[in-house]
């Protein structure tokens, strides 16, 4: 997805908060926002995640800081790990463990400093569990998981990956590769978060080799691209991964996320705050069958 003008205000708020957090002075703020205007109005067509990466590198240079949310990532991992035993038990005793674990994984997607600066994970969990998904292709996902010989699971945020771990423990698939970012970007999960949360015990773990808050196939490492091509099923978490992968129209991809902004919500046909499990091929099949039934 190319940059949408509506994202500009969100970008500005995000970086204003970030600069304030790190006590940037007025000259540093002016330098970044002048640069932001130049990049956005420039000739090069960039996707939102690519633009995010360009601005991130600029801020890293201005502030001389590589990982802006290192403390928050650690805190989110700790919060999620504290909740893990309770929800592990509840999933194990649930009438439908798959659905509960899947919804917990989606609820974890709220832990995103690119879209939210404040959130309550426990409140979000109960909200996601109690409310129907806006787009629910989970029955098709469950079928495809059972059929797949290999699964590629694209993670998103620190903290969130604890709930991804619980979902993967629940489906008990023998061949899952879990993917994190190739470097620090917002509060997205990296290898450091894998070690902190124990994900390495339930899946093979690799990075995508790129430090944007997304998965952009042509910018990713050769190792990642090989895993991507070989996978029977791809589970993609979060808005950033959707922005990088949707244009591929790959029938293997299931997008699991909370729509945290109007741009993404409108794009997938949901409302802001809605949760979805979306597969484009299944969506078109349902639409085609509906047209046949209602000529």
C-alpha atoms as a PDB file:
ATOM      1  CA  UNK A   1       0.000   0.000   0.000  1.00  0.00           C
ATOM      2  CA  UNK A   2       1.313   3.404  -0.968  1.00  0.00           C
ATOM      3  CA  UNK A   3       1.314   6.232   1.561  1.00  0.00           C
ATOM      4  CA  UNK A   4      -2.139   7.688   2.197  1.00  0.00           C
ATOM      5  CA  UNK A   5      -2.369  11.413   2.967  1.00  0.00           C
ATOM      6  CA  UNK A   6      -4.541  10.583   5.967  1.00  0.00           C
ATOM      7  CA  UNK A   7      -1.487   8.896   7.519  1.00  0.00           C
ATOM      8  CA  UNK A   8       0.337  12.220   7.703  1.00  0.00           C
ATOM      9  CA  UNK A   9      -1.419  13.399  10.856  1.00  0.00           C
ATOM     10  CA  UNK A  10      -0.819  10.064  12.568  1.00  0.00           C
ATOM     11  CA  UNK A  11       2.860  10.188  11.654  1.00  0.00           C
ATOM     12  CA  UNK A  12       3.169  13.691  13.056  1.00  0.00           C
ATOM     13  CA  UNK A  13       1.490  12.745  16.350  1.00  0.00           C
ATOM     14  CA  UNK A  14       3.649   9.634  16.676  1.00  0.00           C
ATOM     15  CA  UNK A  15       6.896  11.513  16.169  1.00  0.00           C
ATOM     16  CA  UNK A  16       5.845  14.454  18.338  1.00  0.00           C
ATOM     17  CA  UNK A  17       5.274  11.978  21.160  1.00  0.00           C
ATOM     18  CA  UNK A  18       8.560  10.223  20.445  1.00  0.00           C
ATOM     19  CA  UNK A  19      10.575  13.442  20.376  1.00  0.00           C
ATOM     20  CA  UNK A  20       8.947  14.619  23.583  1.00  0.00           C
ATOM     21  CA  UNK A  21       9.688  11.261  25.221  1.00  0.00           C
ATOM     22  CA  UNK A  22      13.382  11.670  24.445  1.00  0.00           C
ATOM     23  CA  UNK A  23      13.494  15.383  25.373  1.00  0.00           C
ATOM     24  CA  UNK A  24      14.298  16.651  21.876  1.00  0.00           C
ATOM     25  CA  UNK A  25      14.899  20.380  21.569  1.00  0.00           C
ATOM     26  CA  UNK A  26      13.076  22.708  19.173  1.00  0.00           C
ATOM     27  CA  UNK A  27      15.846  22.607  16.570  1.00  0.00           C
ATOM     28  CA  UNK A  28      15.715  18.803  16.479  1.00  0.00           C
ATOM     29  CA  UNK A  29      11.932  18.847  16.143  1.00  0.00           C
ATOM     30  CA  UNK A  30      12.084  21.361  13.309  1.00  0.00           C
ATOM     31  CA  UNK A  31      14.753  19.310  11.543  1.00  0.00           C
ATOM     32  CA  UNK A  32      12.611  16.167  11.607  1.00  0.00           C
ATOM     33  CA  UNK A  33       9.320  17.746  10.556  1.00  0.00           C
ATOM     34  CA  UNK A  34      10.958  19.708   7.741  1.00  0.00           C
ATOM     35  CA  UNK A  35      12.508  16.466   6.537  1.00  0.00           C
ATOM     36  CA  UNK A  36       9.154  14.683   6.851  1.00  0.00           C
ATOM     37  CA  UNK A  37       7.459  17.247   4.602  1.00  0.00           C
ATOM     38  CA  UNK A  38      10.241  16.912   2.033  1.00  0.00           C
ATOM     39  CA  UNK A  39      10.003  13.117   1.931  1.00  0.00           C
ATOM     40  CA  UNK A  40       6.207  13.020   1.780  1.00  0.00           C
ATOM     41  CA  UNK A  41       6.045  15.613  -0.998  1.00  0.00           C
ATOM     42  CA  UNK A  42       8.979  14.114  -2.927  1.00  0.00           C
ATOM     43  CA  UNK A  43       8.835  12.261  -6.228  1.00  0.00           C
ATOM     44  CA  UNK A  44       9.640   8.829  -4.813  1.00  0.00           C
ATOM     45  CA  UNK A  45       6.554   6.712  -4.209  1.00  0.00           C
ATOM     46  CA  UNK A  46       6.921   4.988  -0.857  1.00  0.00           C
ATOM     47  CA  UNK A  47       4.637   2.681   1.049  1.00  0.00           C
ATOM     48  CA  UNK A  48       3.672   3.728   4.554  1.00  0.00           C
ATOM     49  CA  UNK A  49       6.093   1.229   6.183  1.00  0.00           C
ATOM     50  CA  UNK A  50       8.940   2.359   3.903  1.00  0.00           C
ATOM     51  CA  UNK A  51       8.267   5.985   4.810  1.00  0.00           C
ATOM     52  CA  UNK A  52       8.165   5.010   8.459  1.00  0.00           C
ATOM     53  CA  UNK A  53      11.611   3.435   8.078  1.00  0.00           C
ATOM     54  CA  UNK A  54      13.052   6.527   6.364  1.00  0.00           C
ATOM     55  CA  UNK A  55      11.771   8.795   9.146  1.00  0.00           C
ATOM     56  CA  UNK A  56      12.921   6.368  11.808  1.00  0.00           C
ATOM     57  CA  UNK A  57      16.478   6.459  10.483  1.00  0.00           C
ATOM     58  CA  UNK A  58      16.360  10.253  10.511  1.00  0.00           C
ATOM     59  CA  UNK A  59      15.266  10.306  14.155  1.00  0.00           C
ATOM     60  CA  UNK A  60      17.948   7.774  15.052  1.00  0.00           C
ATOM     61  CA  UNK A  61      20.499  10.164  13.581  1.00  0.00           C
ATOM     62  CA  UNK A  62      19.032  13.249  15.256  1.00  0.00           C
ATOM     63  CA  UNK A  63      18.738  11.699  18.713  1.00  0.00           C
ATOM     64  CA  UNK A  64      21.638   9.214  18.468  1.00  0.00           C
ATOM     65  CA  UNK A  65      19.326   6.456  19.741  1.00  0.00           C
ATOM     66  CA  UNK A  66      18.829   3.132  17.955  1.00  0.00           C
ATOM     67  CA  UNK A  67      15.891   1.621  19.845  1.00  0.00           C
ATOM     68  CA  UNK A  68      13.344   4.261  20.902  1.00  0.00           C
ATOM     69  CA  UNK A  69      10.982   1.858  22.679  1.00  0.00           C
ATOM     70  CA  UNK A  70      13.395  -0.591  24.296  1.00  0.00           C
ATOM     71  CA  UNK A  71      11.993   0.030  27.785  1.00  0.00           C
ATOM     72  CA  UNK A  72       8.381  -0.230  26.616  1.00  0.00           C
ATOM     73  CA  UNK A  73       9.076  -3.476  24.774  1.00  0.00           C
ATOM     74  CA  UNK A  74      10.573  -4.987  27.910  1.00  0.00           C
ATOM     75  CA  UNK A  75       7.578  -3.818  29.951  1.00  0.00           C
ATOM     76  CA  UNK A  76       5.074  -5.203  27.441  1.00  0.00           C
ATOM     77  CA  UNK A  77       6.818  -8.565  27.425  1.00  0.00           C
ATOM     78  CA  UNK A  78       6.665  -8.639  31.223  1.00  0.00           C
ATOM     79  CA  UNK A  79       2.967  -7.693  31.291  1.00  0.00           C
ATOM     80  CA  UNK A  80       2.069 -10.348  28.729  1.00  0.00           C
ATOM     81  CA  UNK A  81       4.171 -13.018  30.452  1.00  0.00           C
ATOM     82  CA  UNK A  82       2.402 -12.247  33.741  1.00  0.00           C
ATOM     83  CA  UNK A  83      -0.939 -12.941  32.030  1.00  0.00           C
ATOM     84  CA  UNK A  84       0.305 -16.049  30.240  1.00  0.00           C
ATOM     85  CA  UNK A  85      -0.281 -18.689  32.995  1.00  0.00           C
ATOM     86  CA  UNK A  86      -3.901 -17.604  33.521  1.00  0.00           C
ATOM     87  CA  UNK A  87      -4.787 -17.651  29.840  1.00  0.00           C
ATOM     88  CA  UNK A  88      -2.794 -20.817  29.172  1.00  0.00           C
ATOM     89  CA  UNK A  89      -5.017 -22.539  31.733  1.00  0.00           C
ATOM     90  CA  UNK A  90      -8.213 -21.020  30.341  1.00  0.00           C
ATOM     91  CA  UNK A  91      -7.337 -22.034  26.797  1.00  0.00           C
ATOM     92  CA  UNK A  92      -6.572 -25.563  27.974  1.00  0.00           C
ATOM     93  CA  UNK A  93      -9.970 -25.813  29.666  1.00  0.00           C
ATOM     94  CA  UNK A  94     -11.954 -24.020  26.945  1.00  0.00           C
ATOM     95  CA  UNK A  95     -14.690 -25.710  24.920  1.00  0.00           C
ATOM     96  CA  UNK A  96     -12.953 -24.348  21.802  1.00  0.00           C
ATOM     97  CA  UNK A  97      -9.247 -23.841  22.570  1.00  0.00           C
ATOM     98  CA  UNK A  98      -8.399 -22.861  18.974  1.00  0.00           C
ATOM     99  CA  UNK A  99     -10.833 -19.949  18.863  1.00  0.00           C
ATOM    100  CA  UNK A 100      -9.917 -18.618  22.303  1.00  0.00           C
ATOM    101  CA  UNK A 101      -6.171 -18.795  21.603  1.00  0.00           C
ATOM    102  CA  UNK A 102      -6.647 -17.161  18.208  1.00  0.00           C
ATOM    103  CA  UNK A 103      -8.650 -14.302  19.723  1.00  0.00           C
ATOM    104  CA  UNK A 104      -5.981 -13.790  22.376  1.00  0.00           C
ATOM    105  CA  UNK A 105      -3.375 -13.524  19.610  1.00  0.00           C
ATOM    106  CA  UNK A 106      -5.509 -10.878  17.904  1.00  0.00           C
ATOM    107  CA  UNK A 107      -6.071  -9.007  21.180  1.00  0.00           C
ATOM    108  CA  UNK A 108      -2.310  -8.842  21.638  1.00  0.00           C
ATOM    109  CA  UNK A 109      -2.115  -6.745  18.482  1.00  0.00           C
ATOM    110  CA  UNK A 110      -3.279  -3.723  20.514  1.00  0.00           C
ATOM    111  CA  UNK A 111       0.269  -3.494  21.953  1.00  0.00           C
ATOM    112  CA  UNK A 112       1.385  -1.149  19.182  1.00  0.00           C
ATOM    113  CA  UNK A 113       3.092   2.203  19.782  1.00  0.00           C
ATOM    114  CA  UNK A 114       2.872   3.000  16.080  1.00  0.00           C
ATOM    115  CA  UNK A 115      -0.890   3.342  16.437  1.00  0.00           C
ATOM    116  CA  UNK A 116      -1.545   3.600  20.192  1.00  0.00           C
ATOM    117  CA  UNK A 117       0.374   5.348  22.916  1.00  0.00           C
ATOM    118  CA  UNK A 118      -1.906   4.043  25.661  1.00  0.00           C
ATOM    119  CA  UNK A 119      -3.761   0.750  25.867  1.00  0.00           C
ATOM    120  CA  UNK A 120      -5.104  -1.718  28.410  1.00  0.00           C
ATOM    121  CA  UNK A 121      -4.285  -5.265  27.329  1.00  0.00           C
ATOM    122  CA  UNK A 122      -6.577  -6.955  29.867  1.00  0.00           C
ATOM    123  CA  UNK A 123      -9.541  -4.791  28.872  1.00  0.00           C
ATOM    124  CA  UNK A 124      -8.765  -5.445  25.202  1.00  0.00           C
ATOM    125  CA  UNK A 125      -8.622  -9.203  25.762  1.00  0.00           C
ATOM    126  CA  UNK A 126     -12.110  -9.268  27.266  1.00  0.00           C
ATOM    127  CA  UNK A 127     -13.433  -7.013  24.506  1.00  0.00           C
ATOM    128  CA  UNK A 128     -12.012  -9.220  21.736  1.00  0.00           C
ATOM    129  CA  UNK A 129     -13.201 -12.437  23.371  1.00  0.00           C
ATOM    130  CA  UNK A 130     -16.759 -11.170  23.850  1.00  0.00           C
ATOM    131  CA  UNK A 131     -17.296  -9.412  20.508  1.00  0.00           C
ATOM    132  CA  UNK A 132     -17.709 -11.179  17.127  1.00  0.00           C
ATOM    133  CA  UNK A 133     -14.918 -10.652  14.619  1.00  0.00           C
ATOM    134  CA  UNK A 134     -15.819  -8.121  11.943  1.00  0.00           C
ATOM    135  CA  UNK A 135     -14.370 -10.418   9.270  1.00  0.00           C
ATOM    136  CA  UNK A 136     -14.079 -14.031  10.369  1.00  0.00           C
ATOM    137  CA  UNK A 137     -12.346 -16.510   8.091  1.00  0.00           C
ATOM    138  CA  UNK A 138     -11.070 -18.506  11.066  1.00  0.00           C
ATOM    139  CA  UNK A 139     -12.842 -21.738  10.107  1.00  0.00           C
ATOM    140  CA  UNK A 140     -10.954 -21.673   6.800  1.00  0.00           C
ATOM    141  CA  UNK A 141      -7.735 -20.855   8.679  1.00  0.00           C
ATOM    142  CA  UNK A 142      -8.228 -23.853  10.966  1.00  0.00           C
ATOM    143  CA  UNK A 143      -8.739 -26.092   7.933  1.00  0.00           C
ATOM    144  CA  UNK A 144      -5.612 -24.761   6.228  1.00  0.00           C
ATOM    145  CA  UNK A 145      -3.525 -25.213   9.380  1.00  0.00           C
ATOM    146  CA  UNK A 146      -4.533 -28.877   9.467  1.00  0.00           C
ATOM    147  CA  UNK A 147      -3.589 -29.296   5.793  1.00  0.00           C
ATOM    148  CA  UNK A 148      -0.314 -27.346   5.840  1.00  0.00           C
ATOM    149  CA  UNK A 149       3.027 -29.107   6.027  1.00  0.00           C
ATOM    150  CA  UNK A 150       4.761 -25.805   6.836  1.00  0.00           C
ATOM    151  CA  UNK A 151       3.546 -22.543   8.369  1.00  0.00           C
ATOM    152  CA  UNK A 152       5.235 -19.141   8.246  1.00  0.00           C
ATOM    153  CA  UNK A 153       4.011 -16.899  11.072  1.00  0.00           C
ATOM    154  CA  UNK A 154       4.853 -13.206  10.716  1.00  0.00           C
ATOM    155  CA  UNK A 155       4.985 -11.559  14.130  1.00  0.00           C
ATOM    156  CA  UNK A 156       4.356  -7.908  14.886  1.00  0.00           C
ATOM    157  CA  UNK A 157       4.879  -6.375  18.328  1.00  0.00           C
ATOM    158  CA  UNK A 158       6.783  -7.134  21.502  1.00  0.00           C
ATOM    159  CA  UNK A 159       4.406  -8.353  24.197  1.00  0.00           C
ATOM    160  CA  UNK A 160       1.979  -9.470  21.516  1.00  0.00           C
ATOM    161  CA  UNK A 161       4.269 -12.373  20.690  1.00  0.00           C
ATOM    162  CA  UNK A 162       3.509 -13.970  24.074  1.00  0.00           C
ATOM    163  CA  UNK A 163      -0.059 -14.455  22.849  1.00  0.00           C
ATOM    164  CA  UNK A 164       1.250 -15.652  19.478  1.00  0.00           C
ATOM    165  CA  UNK A 165       3.248 -18.227  21.410  1.00  0.00           C
ATOM    166  CA  UNK A 166       0.094 -19.392  23.206  1.00  0.00           C
ATOM    167  CA  UNK A 167      -1.730 -19.715  19.879  1.00  0.00           C
ATOM    168  CA  UNK A 168       1.111 -21.754  18.384  1.00  0.00           C
ATOM    169  CA  UNK A 169       1.218 -23.993  21.457  1.00  0.00           C
ATOM    170  CA  UNK A 170      -2.505 -24.549  21.000  1.00  0.00           C
ATOM    171  CA  UNK A 171      -2.415 -25.527  17.326  1.00  0.00           C
ATOM    172  CA  UNK A 172       0.581 -27.819  17.982  1.00  0.00           C
ATOM    173  CA  UNK A 173       1.833 -27.736  14.408  1.00  0.00           C
ATOM    174  CA  UNK A 174       5.205 -29.503  14.012  1.00  0.00           C
ATOM    175  CA  UNK A 175       6.690 -27.135  11.415  1.00  0.00           C
ATOM    176  CA  UNK A 176       6.234 -23.436  12.207  1.00  0.00           C
ATOM    177  CA  UNK A 177       8.727 -20.681  11.438  1.00  0.00           C
ATOM    178  CA  UNK A 178       8.137 -17.476  13.406  1.00  0.00           C
ATOM    179  CA  UNK A 179       9.465 -14.235  11.902  1.00  0.00           C
ATOM    180  CA  UNK A 180      10.508 -11.016  13.643  1.00  0.00           C
ATOM    181  CA  UNK A 181      11.959  -7.750  12.324  1.00  0.00           C
ATOM    182  CA  UNK A 182      15.576  -7.531  11.263  1.00  0.00           C
ATOM    183  CA  UNK A 183      16.230  -4.520  13.501  1.00  0.00           C
ATOM    184  CA  UNK A 184      14.611  -2.141  15.978  1.00  0.00           C
ATOM    185  CA  UNK A 185      11.552  -0.362  14.599  1.00  0.00           C
ATOM    186  CA  UNK A 186       8.871   1.211  16.818  1.00  0.00           C
ATOM    187  CA  UNK A 187       8.007  -1.523  19.386  1.00  0.00           C
ATOM    188  CA  UNK A 188       8.030  -4.387  16.894  1.00  0.00           C
ATOM    189  CA  UNK A 189       9.448  -7.697  18.076  1.00  0.00           C
ATOM    190  CA  UNK A 190      13.079  -8.575  17.382  1.00  0.00           C
ATOM    191  CA  UNK A 191      15.244 -11.550  18.346  1.00  0.00           C
ATOM    192  CA  UNK A 192      15.757 -10.010  21.788  1.00  0.00           C
ATOM    193  CA  UNK A 193      12.012 -10.276  22.424  1.00  0.00           C
ATOM    194  CA  UNK A 194      11.972 -13.865  21.198  1.00  0.00           C
ATOM    195  CA  UNK A 195      14.514 -14.791  23.866  1.00  0.00           C
ATOM    196  CA  UNK A 196      12.602 -12.858  26.527  1.00  0.00           C
ATOM    197  CA  UNK A 197       9.277 -14.565  25.813  1.00  0.00           C
ATOM    198  CA  UNK A 198      10.285 -18.136  25.005  1.00  0.00           C
ATOM    199  CA  UNK A 199       9.038 -18.160  21.430  1.00  0.00           C
ATOM    200  CA  UNK A 200      12.159 -20.099  20.424  1.00  0.00           C
ATOM    201  CA  UNK A 201      10.778 -23.100  22.327  1.00  0.00           C
ATOM    202  CA  UNK A 202       7.664 -23.453  20.140  1.00  0.00           C
ATOM    203  CA  UNK A 203       8.873 -22.449  16.666  1.00  0.00           C
ATOM    204  CA  UNK A 204      11.904 -22.061  14.479  1.00  0.00           C
ATOM    205  CA  UNK A 205      12.714 -18.327  14.566  1.00  0.00           C
ATOM    206  CA  UNK A 206      14.234 -16.109  11.874  1.00  0.00           C
ATOM    207  CA  UNK A 207      14.245 -12.397  11.060  1.00  0.00           C
ATOM    208  CA  UNK A 208      13.008 -10.868   7.824  1.00  0.00           C
ATOM    209  CA  UNK A 209      16.338  -9.062   7.506  1.00  0.00           C
ATOM    210  CA  UNK A 210      14.777  -5.592   7.285  1.00  0.00           C
ATOM    211  CA  UNK A 211      14.124  -2.895   9.884  1.00  0.00           C
ATOM    212  CA  UNK A 212      10.807  -1.512   8.660  1.00  0.00           C
ATOM    213  CA  UNK A 213       7.586  -2.061  10.659  1.00  0.00           C
ATOM    214  CA  UNK A 214       6.338  -4.412   7.952  1.00  0.00           C
ATOM    215  CA  UNK A 215       7.233  -7.312   5.696  1.00  0.00           C
ATOM    216  CA  UNK A 216       8.340  -6.055   2.284  1.00  0.00           C
ATOM    217  CA  UNK A 217       9.320  -9.083   0.260  1.00  0.00           C
ATOM    218  CA  UNK A 218      11.741  -7.388  -2.147  1.00  0.00           C
ATOM    219  CA  UNK A 219      13.604  -5.758   0.767  1.00  0.00           C
ATOM    220  CA  UNK A 220      13.800  -8.901   2.888  1.00  0.00           C
ATOM    221  CA  UNK A 221      16.710 -11.303   3.289  1.00  0.00           C
ATOM    222  CA  UNK A 222      17.315 -14.272   1.019  1.00  0.00           C
ATOM    223  CA  UNK A 223      16.731 -16.587   3.975  1.00  0.00           C
ATOM    224  CA  UNK A 224      13.329 -15.062   4.612  1.00  0.00           C
ATOM    225  CA  UNK A 225      12.319 -15.124   0.946  1.00  0.00           C
ATOM    226  CA  UNK A 226      13.175 -18.826   0.765  1.00  0.00           C
ATOM    227  CA  UNK A 227      10.952 -19.552   3.760  1.00  0.00           C
ATOM    228  CA  UNK A 228       8.214 -17.369   2.288  1.00  0.00           C
ATOM    229  CA  UNK A 229       8.217 -19.186  -1.046  1.00  0.00           C
ATOM    230  CA  UNK A 230       8.294 -22.627   0.587  1.00  0.00           C
ATOM    231  CA  UNK A 231       5.496 -22.094   3.125  1.00  0.00           C
ATOM    232  CA  UNK A 232       2.147 -23.801   2.610  1.00  0.00           C
ATOM    233  CA  UNK A 233       0.407 -21.292   4.872  1.00  0.00           C
ATOM    234  CA  UNK A 234       1.318 -17.755   5.957  1.00  0.00           C
ATOM    235  CA  UNK A 235      -0.208 -16.094   9.022  1.00  0.00           C
ATOM    236  CA  UNK A 236       0.423 -12.344   9.001  1.00  0.00           C
ATOM    237  CA  UNK A 237      -0.095 -10.341  12.193  1.00  0.00           C
ATOM    238  CA  UNK A 238      -0.863  -6.630  12.347  1.00  0.00           C
ATOM    239  CA  UNK A 239      -1.437  -3.648  10.100  1.00  0.00           C
ATOM    240  CA  UNK A 240       2.171  -3.163   9.026  1.00  0.00           C
ATOM    241  CA  UNK A 241       2.488  -6.651   7.591  1.00  0.00           C
ATOM    242  CA  UNK A 242      -0.800  -6.208   5.751  1.00  0.00           C
ATOM    243  CA  UNK A 243       0.463  -2.966   4.210  1.00  0.00           C
ATOM    244  CA  UNK A 244       3.554  -4.724   2.930  1.00  0.00           C
ATOM    245  CA  UNK A 245       1.944  -7.929   1.672  1.00  0.00           C
ATOM    246  CA  UNK A 246      -1.631  -7.289   0.564  1.00  0.00           C
ATOM    247  CA  UNK A 247      -0.654  -6.269  -2.975  1.00  0.00           C
ATOM    248  CA  UNK A 248       0.782  -9.757  -3.526  1.00  0.00           C
ATOM    249  CA  UNK A 249      -2.780 -11.180  -3.535  1.00  0.00           C
ATOM    250  CA  UNK A 250      -1.297 -14.414  -2.221  1.00  0.00           C
ATOM    251  CA  UNK A 251      -3.993 -17.007  -1.393  1.00  0.00           C
ATOM    252  CA  UNK A 252      -1.753 -18.537   1.286  1.00  0.00           C
ATOM    253  CA  UNK A 253      -1.850 -15.429   3.485  1.00  0.00           C
ATOM    254  CA  UNK A 254      -4.254 -14.977   6.393  1.00  0.00           C
ATOM    255  CA  UNK A 255      -4.197 -11.500   7.936  1.00  0.00           C
ATOM    256  CA  UNK A 256      -4.919 -11.440  11.688  1.00  0.00           C
ATOM    257  CA  UNK A 257      -5.167  -7.974  13.182  1.00  0.00           C
ATOM    258  CA  UNK A 258      -7.012  -5.238  14.973  1.00  0.00           C
ATOM    259  CA  UNK A 259      -7.885  -2.335  12.660  1.00  0.00           C
ATOM    260  CA  UNK A 260      -6.380   0.531  14.633  1.00  0.00           C
ATOM    261  CA  UNK A 261      -6.842   3.338  12.111  1.00  0.00           C
ATOM    262  CA  UNK A 262      -9.479   4.491   9.615  1.00  0.00           C
ATOM    263  CA  UNK A 263      -7.206   3.913   6.605  1.00  0.00           C
ATOM    264  CA  UNK A 264      -6.663   0.208   7.284  1.00  0.00           C
ATOM    265  CA  UNK A 265     -10.227  -0.319   8.488  1.00  0.00           C
ATOM    266  CA  UNK A 266     -11.642   1.168   5.295  1.00  0.00           C
ATOM    267  CA  UNK A 267      -9.216  -0.775   3.152  1.00  0.00           C
ATOM    268  CA  UNK A 268     -10.306  -4.166   4.484  1.00  0.00           C
ATOM    269  CA  UNK A 269     -13.982  -3.267   4.838  1.00  0.00           C
ATOM    270  CA  UNK A 270     -14.154  -3.032   8.619  1.00  0.00           C
ATOM    271  CA  UNK A 271     -14.504  -0.269  11.194  1.00  0.00           C
ATOM    272  CA  UNK A 272     -11.805   1.181  13.398  1.00  0.00           C
ATOM    273  CA  UNK A 273     -11.363  -1.027  16.441  1.00  0.00           C
ATOM    274  CA  UNK A 274     -12.685  -4.138  14.698  1.00  0.00           C
ATOM    275  CA  UNK A 275     -10.745  -7.403  14.736  1.00  0.00           C
ATOM    276  CA  UNK A 276     -10.410  -9.579  11.664  1.00  0.00           C
ATOM    277  CA  UNK A 277      -9.115 -12.865  10.324  1.00  0.00           C
ATOM    278  CA  UNK A 278      -9.008 -12.229   6.596  1.00  0.00           C
ATOM    279  CA  UNK A 279      -8.008 -14.336   3.600  1.00  0.00           C
ATOM    280  CA  UNK A 280      -8.469 -12.680   0.227  1.00  0.00           C
ATOM    281  CA  UNK A 281      -9.094 -15.912  -1.711  1.00  0.00           C
ATOM    282  CA  UNK A 282     -11.730 -17.069   0.776  1.00  0.00           C
ATOM    283  CA  UNK A 283     -13.323 -13.610   0.738  1.00  0.00           C
ATOM    284  CA  UNK A 284     -13.723 -13.694  -3.040  1.00  0.00           C
ATOM    285  CA  UNK A 285     -15.049 -17.261  -2.924  1.00  0.00           C
ATOM    286  CA  UNK A 286     -17.707 -16.247  -0.406  1.00  0.00           C
ATOM    287  CA  UNK A 287     -18.613 -13.217  -2.487  1.00  0.00           C
ATOM    288  CA  UNK A 288     -18.880 -15.309  -5.652  1.00  0.00           C
ATOM    289  CA  UNK A 289     -21.118 -17.874  -3.952  1.00  0.00           C
ATOM    290  CA  UNK A 290     -23.302 -15.111  -2.563  1.00  0.00           C
ATOM    291  CA  UNK A 291     -23.790 -13.676  -6.047  1.00  0.00           C
ATOM    292  CA  UNK A 292     -24.720 -17.119  -7.368  1.00  0.00           C
ATOM    293  CA  UNK A 293     -27.287 -17.558  -4.609  1.00  0.00           C
ATOM    294  CA  UNK A 294     -28.710 -14.063  -5.172  1.00  0.00           C
ATOM    295  CA  UNK A 295     -28.675 -13.376  -8.930  1.00  0.00           C
END
